[in-house]
Amino acid sequence: MQRFVAGEVQLLVCTTVIEVGVDVPNASLMVIESAERFGLAQLHQLRGRIGRGARESVCILLFGDALSQTARDRLEIIFKSTDGFAIAQRDLELRGPGEYLGERQSGEPLLRFADLERDGELVAQAVEAAGEMLERHPAAARAHVARWLGGRRDLTQV
């Protein structure tokens, strides 16, 4: 890695574990094999490791023949956008937010009636009301959380 940073080595072949330490302004080409297996955030992070200098950069995504529609959608998003916020928004739309107080990191949330984008103001009011309940009636708030989570781990105690 030091030799690559110093310019003594012109090619670095590595796993994604090493990408965090790569900050080489002269790096201008990246090839990602099996790109369909990576998430949007990871592809965006990898791509961001090149093009930090004055040279034009290119990121080539290689992928297999049999792509699921979700993999095809992810690759199209990364191809069309370099905006990290837009990519994160599309990732949220594709994967779903998962549990807000739970362990699932993707999928449909447990909210049955609210939509976080459409009902943002309502959610803010609910957060305020929950804070008041925790402050004024902590036992009742804990009982409600226990009833809501059932047998799942209570992540409010982390």
Foldseek 3Di string as FASTA:
>chain_A
DVCVLVVVDVDDDDDLVCLVVQARAPAAEAEAEQQLVDALVSVLSNVVSYNNHPDHHDYHYHHDDDHDVLSVVSVVVSVVDNDPVVSVVVSCVSFPCDEPFADDRGDHYPDDPDDCVVCVVVVVVVVVVLVVCCVPPVVVSVVVQCVVQPPGDGNVVD
